[in-house]
Amino acid sequence: MIKIDGIEFNVPVIDLSRSADFLDKFAKRTDDGGMQRELIGVYFNYQLKLGIAKDAAEYQRLWDKLTEPVEFHTVTVPGTDGKYTFKAYFSNVKDKLLMVRKERNYWQDLTVNFTAQVPARS
């Protein structure tokens, strides 16, 4: 189960991966070859791959939410212990047509990237 902006979506999660990305304000080499760096923080970013929804209306509702022209969303995903909630923007939302049956389209391999707005750790 995934939750976006307080709304739960009943679409099976096939794969969820996360990364801890370190973002620098600056990082540069000095003349002696050393490194100077000012770390802004560590951002927890997620990539989600979803399965085929049994309910086409539910899948469409999720697609509409993921492609909503909004700068940031509040996302709840599995964390290390329990759930992790953070503000993120969405990118690379894509899926693939599985089949067309009786003028109805079935989609699969829905993926989305959630990029954190602020660091999880600083």
Foldseek 3Di string as FASTA:
>chain_A
DKAKQNDDFPWAWPDKDKDWDWDWPDWDADPVGDIDTHTQATWIKMKTWTFWDPDPVSVVVVVCVLPPPDQWIWIWDQDPPGIDIAIWHKDDFDWAWDDADPNDTTIHGTMIMTTGPHHPGD
